[in-house]
Each structure stands twice: as structure tokens, then as C-alpha cells.
PDB file of all heavy atoms in Angstrom:
ATOM      1  N   ALA A   1     -98.775 -13.153  -6.901  1.00  0.00           N
ATOM      2  CA  ALA A   1     -98.534 -13.670  -5.554  1.00  0.00           C
ATOM      3  C   ALA A   1     -97.701 -12.649  -4.794  1.00  0.00           C
ATOM      4  O   ALA A   1     -96.848 -11.980  -5.370  1.00  0.00           O
ATOM      5  CB  ALA A   1     -97.804 -15.012  -5.612  1.00  0.00           C
ATOM      6  N   GLU A   2     -97.951 -12.555  -3.505  1.00  0.00           N
ATOM      7  CA  GLU A   2     -97.285 -11.530  -2.697  1.00  0.00           C
ATOM      8  C   GLU A   2     -95.969 -11.975  -2.081  1.00  0.00           C
ATOM      9  O   GLU A   2     -95.158 -11.153  -1.689  1.00  0.00           O
ATOM     10  CB  GLU A   2     -98.226 -11.063  -1.596  1.00  0.00           C
ATOM     11  CG  GLU A   2     -99.425 -10.318  -2.142  1.00  0.00           C
ATOM     12  CD  GLU A   2    -100.276  -9.724  -1.054  1.00  0.00           C
ATOM     13  OE1 GLU A   2     -99.780  -9.530   0.069  1.00  0.00           O
ATOM     14  OE2 GLU A   2    -101.449  -9.453  -1.333  1.00  0.00           O
ATOM     15  N   ASN A   3     -95.756 -13.296  -1.971  1.00  0.00           N
ATOM     16  CA  ASN A   3     -94.558 -13.759  -1.282  1.00  0.00           C
ATOM     17  C   ASN A   3     -94.155 -15.135  -1.794  1.00  0.00           C
ATOM     18  O   ASN A   3     -94.884 -15.768  -2.556  1.00  0.00           O
ATOM     19  CB  ASN A   3     -94.795 -13.776   0.242  1.00  0.00           C
ATOM     20  CG  ASN A   3     -96.017 -14.592   0.617  1.00  0.00           C
ATOM     21  OD1 ASN A   3     -96.199 -15.708   0.138  1.00  0.00           O
ATOM     22  ND2 ASN A   3     -96.876 -14.034   1.460  1.00  0.00           N
ATOM     23  N   GLU A   4     -92.978 -15.565  -1.352  1.00  0.00           N
ATOM     24  CA  GLU A   4     -92.430 -16.847  -1.806  1.00  0.00           C
ATOM     25  C   GLU A   4     -93.370 -18.023  -1.542  1.00  0.00           C
ATOM     26  O   GLU A   4     -93.606 -18.827  -2.458  1.00  0.00           O
ATOM     27  CB  GLU A   4     -91.070 -17.085  -1.150  1.00  0.00           C
ATOM     28  CG  GLU A   4     -90.438 -18.397  -1.517  1.00  0.00           C
ATOM     29  CD  GLU A   4     -89.098 -18.625  -0.836  1.00  0.00           C
ATOM     30  OE1 GLU A   4     -88.497 -17.662  -0.313  1.00  0.00           O
ATOM     31  OE2 GLU A   4     -88.646 -19.775  -0.849  1.00  0.00           O
ATOM     32  N   PRO A   5     -93.922 -18.183  -0.323  1.00  0.00           N
ATOM     33  CA  PRO A   5     -94.824 -19.328  -0.108  1.00  0.00           C
ATOM     34  C   PRO A   5     -96.017 -19.334  -1.070  1.00  0.00           C
ATOM     35  O   PRO A   5     -96.432 -20.404  -1.528  1.00  0.00           O
ATOM     36  CB  PRO A   5     -95.280 -19.160   1.342  1.00  0.00           C
ATOM     37  CG  PRO A   5     -94.184 -18.394   1.997  1.00  0.00           C
ATOM     38  CD  PRO A   5     -93.673 -17.457   0.932  1.00  0.00           C
ATOM     39  N   ASP A   6     -96.536 -18.158  -1.408  1.00  0.00           N
ATOM     40  CA  ASP A   6     -97.656 -18.101  -2.344  1.00  0.00           C
ATOM     41  C   ASP A   6     -97.237 -18.527  -3.750  1.00  0.00           C
ATOM     42  O   ASP A   6     -97.989 -19.204  -4.454  1.00  0.00           O
ATOM     43  CB  ASP A   6     -98.256 -16.694  -2.385  1.00  0.00           C
ATOM     44  CG  ASP A   6     -98.998 -16.321  -1.110  1.00  0.00           C
ATOM     45  OD1 ASP A   6     -99.284 -17.212  -0.278  1.00  0.00           O
ATOM     46  OD2 ASP A   6     -99.289 -15.121  -0.946  1.00  0.00           O
ATOM     47  N   VAL A   7     -96.042 -18.129  -4.172  1.00  0.00           N
ATOM     48  CA  VAL A   7     -95.543 -18.536  -5.491  1.00  0.00           C
ATOM     49  C   VAL A   7     -95.327 -20.053  -5.518  1.00  0.00           C
ATOM     50  O   VAL A   7     -95.745 -20.734  -6.460  1.00  0.00           O
ATOM     51  CB  VAL A   7     -94.241 -17.801  -5.867  1.00  0.00           C
ATOM     52  CG1 VAL A   7     -93.675 -18.336  -7.186  1.00  0.00           C
ATOM     53  CG2 VAL A   7     -94.469 -16.306  -5.958  1.00  0.00           C
ATOM     54  N   LEU A   8     -94.705 -20.601  -4.482  1.00  0.00           N
ATOM     55  CA  LEU A   8     -94.460 -22.048  -4.443  1.00  0.00           C
ATOM     56  C   LEU A   8     -95.772 -22.820  -4.443  1.00  0.00           C
ATOM     57  O   LEU A   8     -95.898 -23.858  -5.114  1.00  0.00           O
ATOM     58  CB  LEU A   8     -93.618 -22.405  -3.224  1.00  0.00           C
ATOM     59  CG  LEU A   8     -92.221 -21.759  -3.157  1.00  0.00           C
ATOM     60  CD1 LEU A   8     -91.482 -22.237  -1.907  1.00  0.00           C
ATOM     61  CD2 LEU A   8     -91.414 -22.016  -4.409  1.00  0.00           C
ATOM     62  N   ALA A   9     -96.767 -22.323  -3.719  1.00  0.00           N
ATOM     63  CA  ALA A   9     -98.089 -22.971  -3.715  1.00  0.00           C
ATOM     64  C   ALA A   9     -98.722 -22.913  -5.108  1.00  0.00           C
ATOM     65  O   ALA A   9     -99.336 -23.890  -5.559  1.00  0.00           O
ATOM     66  CB  ALA A   9     -98.993 -22.312  -2.678  1.00  0.00           C
ATOM     67  N   ALA A  10     -98.549 -21.780  -5.793  1.00  0.00           N
ATOM     68  CA  ALA A  10     -99.073 -21.647  -7.160  1.00  0.00           C
ATOM     69  C   ALA A  10     -98.411 -22.659  -8.088  1.00  0.00           C
ATOM     70  O   ALA A  10     -99.080 -23.274  -8.930  1.00  0.00           O
ATOM     71  CB  ALA A  10     -98.858 -20.220  -7.671  1.00  0.00           C
ATOM     72  N   TRP A  11     -97.102 -22.837  -7.946  1.00  0.00           N
ATOM     73  CA  TRP A  11     -96.411 -23.839  -8.761  1.00  0.00           C
ATOM     74  C   TRP A  11     -96.947 -25.229  -8.463  1.00  0.00           C
ATOM     75  O   TRP A  11     -97.114 -26.049  -9.369  1.00  0.00           O
ATOM     76  CB  TRP A  11     -94.915 -23.802  -8.516  1.00  0.00           C
ATOM     77  CG  TRP A  11     -94.223 -22.577  -9.008  1.00  0.00           C
ATOM     78  CD1 TRP A  11     -94.752 -21.551  -9.743  1.00  0.00           C
ATOM     79  CD2 TRP A  11     -92.859 -22.241  -8.798  1.00  0.00           C
ATOM     80  NE1 TRP A  11     -93.787 -20.603  -9.997  1.00  0.00           N
ATOM     81  CE2 TRP A  11     -92.621 -20.993  -9.422  1.00  0.00           C
ATOM     82  CE3 TRP A  11     -91.812 -22.858  -8.124  1.00  0.00           C
ATOM     83  CZ2 TRP A  11     -91.379 -20.376  -9.421  1.00  0.00           C
ATOM     84  CZ3 TRP A  11     -90.578 -22.243  -8.114  1.00  0.00           C
ATOM     85  CH2 TRP A  11     -90.356 -21.023  -8.755  1.00  0.00           C
ATOM     86  N   GLY A  12     -97.195 -25.511  -7.184  1.00  0.00           N
ATOM     87  CA  GLY A  12     -97.754 -26.810  -6.816  1.00  0.00           C
ATOM     88  C   GLY A  12     -99.095 -27.054  -7.493  1.00  0.00           C
ATOM     89  O   GLY A  12     -99.348 -28.137  -8.024  1.00  0.00           O
ATOM     90  N   ARG A  13     -99.966 -26.052  -7.480  1.00  0.00           N
ATOM     91  CA  ARG A  13    -101.261 -26.167  -8.171  1.00  0.00           C
ATOM     92  C   ARG A  13    -101.051 -26.380  -9.665  1.00  0.00           C
ATOM     93  O   ARG A  13    -101.711 -27.212 -10.292  1.00  0.00           O
ATOM     94  CB  ARG A  13    -102.119 -24.921  -7.948  1.00  0.00           C
ATOM     95  CG  ARG A  13    -102.700 -24.797  -6.569  1.00  0.00           C
ATOM     96  CD  ARG A  13    -103.720 -23.656  -6.483  1.00  0.00           C
ATOM     97  NE  ARG A  13    -103.190 -22.357  -6.880  1.00  0.00           N
ATOM     98  CZ  ARG A  13    -102.550 -21.526  -6.069  1.00  0.00           C
ATOM     99  NH1 ARG A  13    -102.321 -21.864  -4.809  1.00  0.00           N
ATOM    100  NH2 ARG A  13    -102.119 -20.349  -6.522  1.00  0.00           N
ATOM    101  N   ALA A  14    -100.132 -25.611 -10.231  1.00  0.00           N
ATOM    102  CA  ALA A  14     -99.894 -25.676 -11.676  1.00  0.00           C
ATOM    103  C   ALA A  14     -99.442 -27.065 -12.115  1.00  0.00           C
ATOM    104  O   ALA A  14     -99.988 -27.627 -13.075  1.00  0.00           O
ATOM    105  CB  ALA A  14     -98.861 -24.630 -12.082  1.00  0.00           C
ATOM    106  N   VAL A  15     -98.460 -27.637 -11.434  1.00  0.00           N
ATOM    107  CA  VAL A  15     -97.949 -28.946 -11.860  1.00  0.00           C
ATOM    108  C   VAL A  15     -98.940 -30.063 -11.553  1.00  0.00           C
ATOM    109  O   VAL A  15     -99.017 -31.046 -12.293  1.00  0.00           O
ATOM    110  CB  VAL A  15     -96.551 -29.253 -11.274  1.00  0.00           C
ATOM    111  CG1 VAL A  15     -95.529 -28.251 -11.793  1.00  0.00           C
ATOM    112  CG2 VAL A  15     -96.552 -29.312  -9.770  1.00  0.00           C
ATOM    113  N   THR A  16     -99.718 -29.899 -10.490  1.00  0.00           N
ATOM    114  CA  THR A  16    -100.766 -30.880 -10.195  1.00  0.00           C
ATOM    115  C   THR A  16    -101.824 -30.851 -11.294  1.00  0.00           C
ATOM    116  O   THR A  16    -102.211 -31.896 -11.829  1.00  0.00           O
ATOM    117  CB  THR A  16    -101.398 -30.602  -8.816  1.00  0.00           C
ATOM    118  OG1 THR A  16    -100.392 -30.720  -7.806  1.00  0.00           O
ATOM    119  CG2 THR A  16    -102.520 -31.582  -8.520  1.00  0.00           C
ATOM    120  N   ASN A  17    -102.293 -29.654 -11.639  1.00  0.00           N
ATOM    121  CA  ASN A  17    -103.316 -29.524 -12.685  1.00  0.00           C
ATOM    122  C   ASN A  17    -102.807 -29.964 -14.050  1.00  0.00           C
ATOM    123  O   ASN A  17    -103.577 -30.457 -14.875  1.00  0.00           O
ATOM    124  CB  ASN A  17    -103.829 -28.088 -12.754  1.00  0.00           C
ATOM    125  CG  ASN A  17    -104.637 -27.711 -11.536  1.00  0.00           C
ATOM    126  OD1 ASN A  17    -105.119 -28.560 -10.796  1.00  0.00           O
ATOM    127  ND2 ASN A  17    -104.783 -26.415 -11.305  1.00  0.00           N
ATOM    128  N   ALA A  18    -101.510 -29.777 -14.309  1.00  0.00           N
ATOM    129  CA  ALA A  18    -100.917 -30.203 -15.583  1.00  0.00           C
ATOM    130  C   ALA A  18    -100.650 -31.707 -15.603  1.00  0.00           C
ATOM    131  O   ALA A  18    -100.224 -32.241 -16.620  1.00  0.00           O
ATOM    132  CB  ALA A  18     -99.624 -29.436 -15.849  1.00  0.00           C
ATOM    133  N   GLN A  19    -100.892 -32.368 -14.483  1.00  0.00           N
ATOM    134  CA  GLN A  19    -100.691 -33.814 -14.330  1.00  0.00           C
ATOM    135  C   GLN A  19     -99.245 -34.248 -14.574  1.00  0.00           C
ATOM    136  O   GLN A  19     -98.973 -35.275 -15.190  1.00  0.00           O
ATOM    137  CB  GLN A  19    -101.661 -34.589 -15.217  1.00  0.00           C
ATOM    138  CG  GLN A  19    -103.105 -34.314 -14.856  1.00  0.00           C
ATOM    139  CD  GLN A  19    -104.098 -35.088 -15.680  1.00  0.00           C
ATOM    140  OE1 GLN A  19    -103.777 -35.615 -16.754  1.00  0.00           O
ATOM    141  NE2 GLN A  19    -105.311 -35.162 -15.199  1.00  0.00           N
ATOM    142  N   VAL A  20     -98.329 -33.435 -14.053  1.00  0.00           N
ATOM    143  CA  VAL A  20     -96.912 -33.791 -14.078  1.00  0.00           C
ATOM    144  C   VAL A  20     -96.722 -34.995 -13.156  1.00  0.00           C
ATOM    145  O   VAL A  20     -97.336 -35.075 -12.090  1.00  0.00           O
ATOM    146  CB  VAL A  20     -96.057 -32.585 -13.620  1.00  0.00           C
ATOM    147  CG1 VAL A  20     -94.628 -32.975 -13.370  1.00  0.00           C
ATOM    148  CG2 VAL A  20     -96.148 -31.469 -14.647  1.00  0.00           C
ATOM    149  N   SER A  21     -95.875 -35.923 -13.552  1.00  0.00           N
ATOM    150  CA  SER A  21     -95.654 -37.130 -12.748  1.00  0.00           C
ATOM    151  C   SER A  21     -94.557 -36.990 -11.711  1.00  0.00           C
ATOM    152  O   SER A  21     -94.587 -37.643 -10.676  1.00  0.00           O
ATOM    153  CB  SER A  21     -95.299 -38.309 -13.664  1.00  0.00           C
ATOM    154  OG  SER A  21     -96.390 -38.607 -14.504  1.00  0.00           O
ATOM    155  N   ARG A  22     -93.576 -36.155 -12.005  1.00  0.00           N
ATOM    156  CA  ARG A  22     -92.404 -36.050 -11.127  1.00  0.00           C
ATOM    157  C   ARG A  22     -92.044 -34.581 -10.932  1.00  0.00           C
ATOM    158  O   ARG A  22     -91.940 -33.836 -11.904  1.00  0.00           O
ATOM    159  CB  ARG A  22     -91.237 -36.792 -11.760  1.00  0.00           C
ATOM    160  CG  ARG A  22     -89.953 -36.758 -10.976  1.00  0.00           C
ATOM    161  CD  ARG A  22     -88.885 -37.610 -11.630  1.00  0.00           C
ATOM    162  NE  ARG A  22     -89.265 -39.013 -11.539  1.00  0.00           N
ATOM    163  CZ  ARG A  22     -88.659 -40.000 -12.166  1.00  0.00           C
ATOM    164  NH1 ARG A  22     -87.620 -39.764 -12.944  1.00  0.00           N
ATOM    165  NH2 ARG A  22     -89.060 -41.244 -12.023  1.00  0.00           N
ATOM    166  N   VAL A  23     -91.864 -34.182  -9.676  1.00  0.00           N
ATOM    167  CA  VAL A  23     -91.448 -32.816  -9.363  1.00  0.00           C
ATOM    168  C   VAL A  23     -90.129 -32.870  -8.614  1.00  0.00           C
ATOM    169  O   VAL A  23     -89.981 -33.631  -7.649  1.00  0.00           O
ATOM    170  CB  VAL A  23     -92.513 -32.075  -8.518  1.00  0.00           C
ATOM    171  CG1 VAL A  23     -91.973 -30.750  -8.002  1.00  0.00           C
ATOM    172  CG2 VAL A  23     -93.774 -31.853  -9.342  1.00  0.00           C
ATOM    173  N   ILE A  24     -89.190 -32.065  -9.075  1.00  0.00           N
ATOM    174  CA  ILE A  24     -87.902 -31.917  -8.400  1.00  0.00           C
ATOM    175  C   ILE A  24     -87.797 -30.459  -7.975  1.00  0.00           C
ATOM    176  O   ILE A  24     -87.701 -29.566  -8.820  1.00  0.00           O
ATOM    177  CB  ILE A  24     -86.727 -32.305  -9.320  1.00  0.00           C
ATOM    178  CG1 ILE A  24     -86.909 -33.738  -9.840  1.00  0.00           C
ATOM    179  CG2 ILE A  24     -85.392 -32.133  -8.579  1.00  0.00           C
ATOM    180  CD1 ILE A  24     -85.980 -34.109 -10.990  1.00  0.00           C
ATOM    181  N   TRP A  25     -87.869 -30.237  -6.666  1.00  0.00           N
ATOM    182  CA  TRP A  25     -87.714 -28.891  -6.116  1.00  0.00           C
ATOM    183  C   TRP A  25     -86.231 -28.591  -5.966  1.00  0.00           C
ATOM    184  O   TRP A  25     -85.489 -29.422  -5.427  1.00  0.00           O
ATOM    185  CB  TRP A  25     -88.351 -28.789  -4.739  1.00  0.00           C
ATOM    186  CG  TRP A  25     -89.842 -28.884  -4.718  1.00  0.00           C
ATOM    187  CD1 TRP A  25     -90.592 -30.012  -4.510  1.00  0.00           C
ATOM    188  CD2 TRP A  25     -90.774 -27.810  -4.871  1.00  0.00           C
ATOM    189  NE1 TRP A  25     -91.918 -29.700  -4.542  1.00  0.00           N
ATOM    190  CE2 TRP A  25     -92.072 -28.352  -4.754  1.00  0.00           C
ATOM    191  CE3 TRP A  25     -90.627 -26.438  -5.102  1.00  0.00           C
ATOM    192  CZ2 TRP A  25     -93.221 -27.576  -4.859  1.00  0.00           C
ATOM    193  CZ3 TRP A  25     -91.776 -25.662  -5.206  1.00  0.00           C
ATOM    194  CH2 TRP A  25     -93.049 -26.226  -5.084  1.00  0.00           C
ATOM    195  N   VAL A  26     -85.796 -27.439  -6.415  1.00  0.00           N
ATOM    196  CA  VAL A  26     -84.461 -26.930  -6.097  1.00  0.00           C
ATOM    197  C   VAL A  26     -84.717 -25.867  -5.046  1.00  0.00           C
ATOM    198  O   VAL A  26     -85.102 -24.744  -5.357  1.00  0.00           O
ATOM    199  CB  VAL A  26     -83.745 -26.364  -7.347  1.00  0.00           C
ATOM    200  CG1 VAL A  26     -82.381 -25.784  -6.964  1.00  0.00           C
ATOM    201  CG2 VAL A  26     -83.606 -27.455  -8.410  1.00  0.00           C
ATOM    202  N   TYR A  27     -84.556 -26.292  -3.793  1.00  0.00           N
ATOM    203  CA  TYR A  27     -85.056 -25.483  -2.683  1.00  0.00           C
ATOM    204  C   TYR A  27     -84.283 -25.812  -1.416  1.00  0.00           C
ATOM    205  O   TYR A  27     -83.931 -26.963  -1.185  1.00  0.00           O
ATOM    206  CB  TYR A  27     -86.547 -25.778  -2.497  1.00  0.00           C
ATOM    207  CG  TYR A  27     -87.283 -24.874  -1.547  1.00  0.00           C
ATOM    208  CD1 TYR A  27     -87.100 -23.496  -1.548  1.00  0.00           C
ATOM    209  CD2 TYR A  27     -88.194 -25.406  -0.654  1.00  0.00           C
ATOM    210  CE1 TYR A  27     -87.801 -22.675  -0.681  1.00  0.00           C
ATOM    211  CE2 TYR A  27     -88.909 -24.588   0.216  1.00  0.00           C
ATOM    212  CZ  TYR A  27     -88.704 -23.230   0.197  1.00  0.00           C
ATOM    213  OH  TYR A  27     -89.395 -22.418   1.053  1.00  0.00           O
ATOM    214  N   ASP A  28     -84.086 -24.793  -0.594  1.00  0.00           N
ATOM    215  CA  ASP A  28     -83.344 -24.979   0.654  1.00  0.00           C
ATOM    216  C   ASP A  28     -84.264 -25.080   1.864  1.00  0.00           C
ATOM    217  O   ASP A  28     -83.814 -24.959   2.994  1.00  0.00           O
ATOM    218  CB  ASP A  28     -82.333 -23.847   0.843  1.00  0.00           C
ATOM    219  CG  ASP A  28     -82.956 -22.464   0.721  1.00  0.00           C
ATOM    220  OD1 ASP A  28     -84.201 -22.365   0.572  1.00  0.00           O
ATOM    221  OD2 ASP A  28     -82.208 -21.478   0.744  1.00  0.00           O
ATOM    222  N   GLY A  29     -85.531 -25.298   1.640  1.00  0.00           N
ATOM    223  CA  GLY A  29     -86.492 -25.430   2.730  1.00  0.00           C
ATOM    224  C   GLY A  29     -87.384 -26.630   2.502  1.00  0.00           C
ATOM    225  O   GLY A  29     -87.069 -27.511   1.704  1.00  0.00           O
ATOM    226  N   VAL A  30     -88.502 -26.630   3.195  1.00  0.00           N
ATOM    227  CA  VAL A  30     -89.485 -27.698   3.020  1.00  0.00           C
ATOM    228  C   VAL A  30     -90.533 -27.181   2.032  1.00  0.00           C
ATOM    229  O   VAL A  30     -91.249 -26.221   2.332  1.00  0.00           O
ATOM    230  CB  VAL A  30     -90.146 -28.071   4.364  1.00  0.00           C
ATOM    231  CG1 VAL A  30     -91.215 -29.127   4.160  1.00  0.00           C
ATOM    232  CG2 VAL A  30     -89.104 -28.539   5.363  1.00  0.00           C
ATOM    233  N   PRO A  31     -90.616 -27.796   0.857  1.00  0.00           N
ATOM    234  CA  PRO A  31     -91.569 -27.309  -0.136  1.00  0.00           C
ATOM    235  C   PRO A  31     -93.002 -27.647   0.270  1.00  0.00           C
ATOM    236  O   PRO A  31     -93.227 -28.540   1.099  1.00  0.00           O
ATOM    237  CB  PRO A  31     -91.164 -28.055  -1.410  1.00  0.00           C
ATOM    238  CG  PRO A  31     -90.474 -29.272  -0.938  1.00  0.00           C
ATOM    239  CD  PRO A  31     -89.837 -28.933   0.375  1.00  0.00           C
ATOM    240  N   PRO A  32     -93.963 -26.973  -0.328  1.00  0.00           N
ATOM    241  CA  PRO A  32     -95.351 -27.293  -0.015  1.00  0.00           C
ATOM    242  C   PRO A  32     -95.699 -28.702  -0.474  1.00  0.00           C
ATOM    243  O   PRO A  32     -95.116 -29.214  -1.435  1.00  0.00           O
ATOM    244  CB  PRO A  32     -96.143 -26.251  -0.797  1.00  0.00           C
ATOM    245  CG  PRO A  32     -95.233 -25.735  -1.841  1.00  0.00           C
ATOM    246  CD  PRO A  32     -93.841 -25.910  -1.318  1.00  0.00           C
ATOM    247  N   SER A  33     -96.616 -29.300   0.216  1.00  0.00           N
ATOM    248  CA  SER A  33     -97.092 -30.625  -0.163  1.00  0.00           C
ATOM    249  C   SER A  33     -97.909 -30.499  -1.453  1.00  0.00           C
ATOM    250  O   SER A  33     -98.739 -29.604  -1.584  1.00  0.00           O
ATOM    251  CB  SER A  33     -97.949 -31.193   0.964  1.00  0.00           C
ATOM    252  OG  SER A  33     -98.452 -32.451   0.596  1.00  0.00           O
ATOM    253  N   ILE A  34     -97.626 -31.389  -2.399  1.00  0.00           N
ATOM    254  CA  ILE A  34     -98.361 -31.372  -3.662  1.00  0.00           C
ATOM    255  C   ILE A  34     -98.787 -32.788  -4.015  1.00  0.00           C
ATOM    256  O   ILE A  34     -98.193 -33.762  -3.569  1.00  0.00           O
ATOM    257  CB  ILE A  34     -97.534 -30.749  -4.806  1.00  0.00           C
ATOM    258  CG1 ILE A  34     -96.188 -31.457  -4.984  1.00  0.00           C
ATOM    259  CG2 ILE A  34     -97.337 -29.270  -4.585  1.00  0.00           C
ATOM    260  CD1 ILE A  34     -95.378 -30.950  -6.160  1.00  0.00           C
ATOM    261  N   ASP A  35     -99.813 -32.875  -4.836  1.00  0.00           N
ATOM    262  CA  ASP A  35    -100.402 -34.158  -5.188  1.00  0.00           C
ATOM    263  C   ASP A  35     -99.889 -34.634  -6.547  1.00  0.00           C
ATOM    264  O   ASP A  35    -100.581 -34.559  -7.548  1.00  0.00           O
ATOM    265  CB  ASP A  35    -101.928 -34.041  -5.193  1.00  0.00           C
ATOM    266  CG  ASP A  35    -102.615 -35.376  -5.368  1.00  0.00           C
ATOM    267  OD1 ASP A  35    -101.994 -36.411  -5.074  1.00  0.00           O
ATOM    268  OD2 ASP A  35    -103.778 -35.385  -5.828  1.00  0.00           O
ATOM    269  N   VAL A  36     -98.625 -35.072  -6.559  1.00  0.00           N
ATOM    270  CA  VAL A  36     -98.034 -35.695  -7.742  1.00  0.00           C
ATOM    271  C   VAL A  36     -97.392 -37.004  -7.295  1.00  0.00           C
ATOM    272  O   VAL A  36     -97.022 -37.152  -6.126  1.00  0.00           O
ATOM    273  CB  VAL A  36     -97.003 -34.777  -8.447  1.00  0.00           C
ATOM    274  CG1 VAL A  36     -97.654 -33.504  -8.957  1.00  0.00           C
ATOM    275  CG2 VAL A  36     -95.844 -34.468  -7.560  1.00  0.00           C
ATOM    276  N   PRO A  37     -97.251 -37.977  -8.190  1.00  0.00           N
ATOM    277  CA  PRO A  37     -96.740 -39.294  -7.782  1.00  0.00           C
ATOM    278  C   PRO A  37     -95.343 -39.300  -7.175  1.00  0.00           C
ATOM    279  O   PRO A  37     -95.081 -40.051  -6.247  1.00  0.00           O
ATOM    280  CB  PRO A  37     -96.779 -40.106  -9.077  1.00  0.00           C
ATOM    281  CG  PRO A  37     -97.832 -39.444  -9.909  1.00  0.00           C
ATOM    282  CD  PRO A  37     -97.736 -37.977  -9.566  1.00  0.00           C
ATOM    283  N   GLU A  38     -94.415 -38.479  -7.703  1.00  0.00           N
ATOM    284  CA  GLU A  38     -93.038 -38.510  -7.229  1.00  0.00           C
ATOM    285  C   GLU A  38     -92.521 -37.104  -6.974  1.00  0.00           C
ATOM    286  O   GLU A  38     -92.663 -36.230  -7.836  1.00  0.00           O
ATOM    287  CB  GLU A  38     -92.119 -39.194  -8.259  1.00  0.00           C
ATOM    288  CG  GLU A  38     -92.492 -40.634  -8.539  1.00  0.00           C
ATOM    289  CD  GLU A  38     -91.584 -41.272  -9.577  1.00  0.00           C
ATOM    290  OE1 GLU A  38     -91.120 -40.567 -10.496  1.00  0.00           O
ATOM    291  OE2 GLU A  38     -91.345 -42.467  -9.453  1.00  0.00           O
ATOM    292  N   VAL A  39     -91.913 -36.911  -5.809  1.00  0.00           N
ATOM    293  CA  VAL A  39     -91.384 -35.606  -5.432  1.00  0.00           C
ATOM    294  C   VAL A  39     -90.016 -35.788  -4.792  1.00  0.00           C
ATOM    295  O   VAL A  39     -89.828 -36.695  -3.971  1.00  0.00           O
ATOM    296  CB  VAL A  39     -92.314 -34.886  -4.434  1.00  0.00           C
ATOM    297  CG1 VAL A  39     -91.734 -33.531  -4.040  1.00  0.00           C
ATOM    298  CG2 VAL A  39     -93.713 -34.713  -5.012  1.00  0.00           C
ATOM    299  N   ALA A  40     -89.078 -34.933  -5.177  1.00  0.00           N
ATOM    300  CA  ALA A  40     -87.745 -34.926  -4.573  1.00  0.00           C
ATOM    301  C   ALA A  40     -87.316 -33.472  -4.400  1.00  0.00           C
ATOM    302  O   ALA A  40     -87.842 -32.578  -5.053  1.00  0.00           O
ATOM    303  CB  ALA A  40     -86.749 -35.671  -5.456  1.00  0.00           C
ATOM    304  N   THR A  41     -86.341 -33.275  -3.512  1.00  0.00           N
ATOM    305  CA  THR A  41     -85.795 -31.941  -3.283  1.00  0.00           C
ATOM    306  C   THR A  41     -84.280 -32.004  -3.374  1.00  0.00           C
ATOM    307  O   THR A  41     -83.659 -32.920  -2.832  1.00  0.00           O
ATOM    308  CB  THR A  41     -86.203 -31.401  -1.895  1.00  0.00           C
ATOM    309  OG1 THR A  41     -87.629 -31.413  -1.807  1.00  0.00           O
ATOM    310  CG2 THR A  41     -85.699 -29.992  -1.671  1.00  0.00           C
ATOM    311  N   VAL A  42     -83.702 -31.033  -4.072  1.00  0.00           N
ATOM    312  CA  VAL A  42     -82.260 -30.889  -4.175  1.00  0.00           C
ATOM    313  C   VAL A  42     -81.923 -29.501  -3.636  1.00  0.00           C
ATOM    314  O   VAL A  42     -82.558 -28.515  -3.999  1.00  0.00           O
ATOM    315  CB  VAL A  42     -81.783 -31.021  -5.639  1.00  0.00           C
ATOM    316  CG1 VAL A  42     -80.292 -30.755  -5.751  1.00  0.00           C
ATOM    317  CG2 VAL A  42     -82.135 -32.390  -6.199  1.00  0.00           C
ATOM    318  N   SER A  43     -80.920 -29.432  -2.788  1.00  0.00           N
ATOM    319  CA  SER A  43     -80.518 -28.149  -2.218  1.00  0.00           C
ATOM    320  C   SER A  43     -79.790 -27.308  -3.259  1.00  0.00           C
ATOM    321  O   SER A  43     -78.882 -27.813  -3.941  1.00  0.00           O
ATOM    322  CB  SER A  43     -79.604 -28.351  -1.010  1.00  0.00           C
ATOM    323  OG  SER A  43     -79.057 -27.115  -0.598  1.00  0.00           O
ATOM    324  N   PRO A  44     -80.133 -26.033  -3.364  1.00  0.00           N
ATOM    325  CA  PRO A  44     -79.391 -25.171  -4.295  1.00  0.00           C
ATOM    326  C   PRO A  44     -77.948 -24.963  -3.872  1.00  0.00           C
ATOM    327  O   PRO A  44     -77.121 -24.538  -4.685  1.00  0.00           O
ATOM    328  CB  PRO A  44     -80.176 -23.853  -4.264  1.00  0.00           C
ATOM    329  CG  PRO A  44     -80.940 -23.881  -2.998  1.00  0.00           C
ATOM    330  CD  PRO A  44     -81.194 -25.317  -2.679  1.00  0.00           C
TER     331      PRO A  44
END
């Protein structure tokens, strides 16, 4: 991946495909939308 948004999008695909139920982003921005049942964000 060439940049941060591309890496974050790749992680979103990865956890969606792995069928993870809960994602907790440690992030200071708005993370990409992903298709998992539960999502939360904690500021670093």
C-alpha cells in the first residue's frame, strides 16, 4: 500500500474477510467504514 488510507482499507478488508466480530480502531481520525457487527474507536 502506498499510504495510510490504503493500509487502513486493507485492514478493513482483512478483518471483514476473517469474519472478526468486533473492531477497535486506535486512531485519531475517522476510520474507513467496514462490514463487521461492532466497531469502536479509541484515540491514541
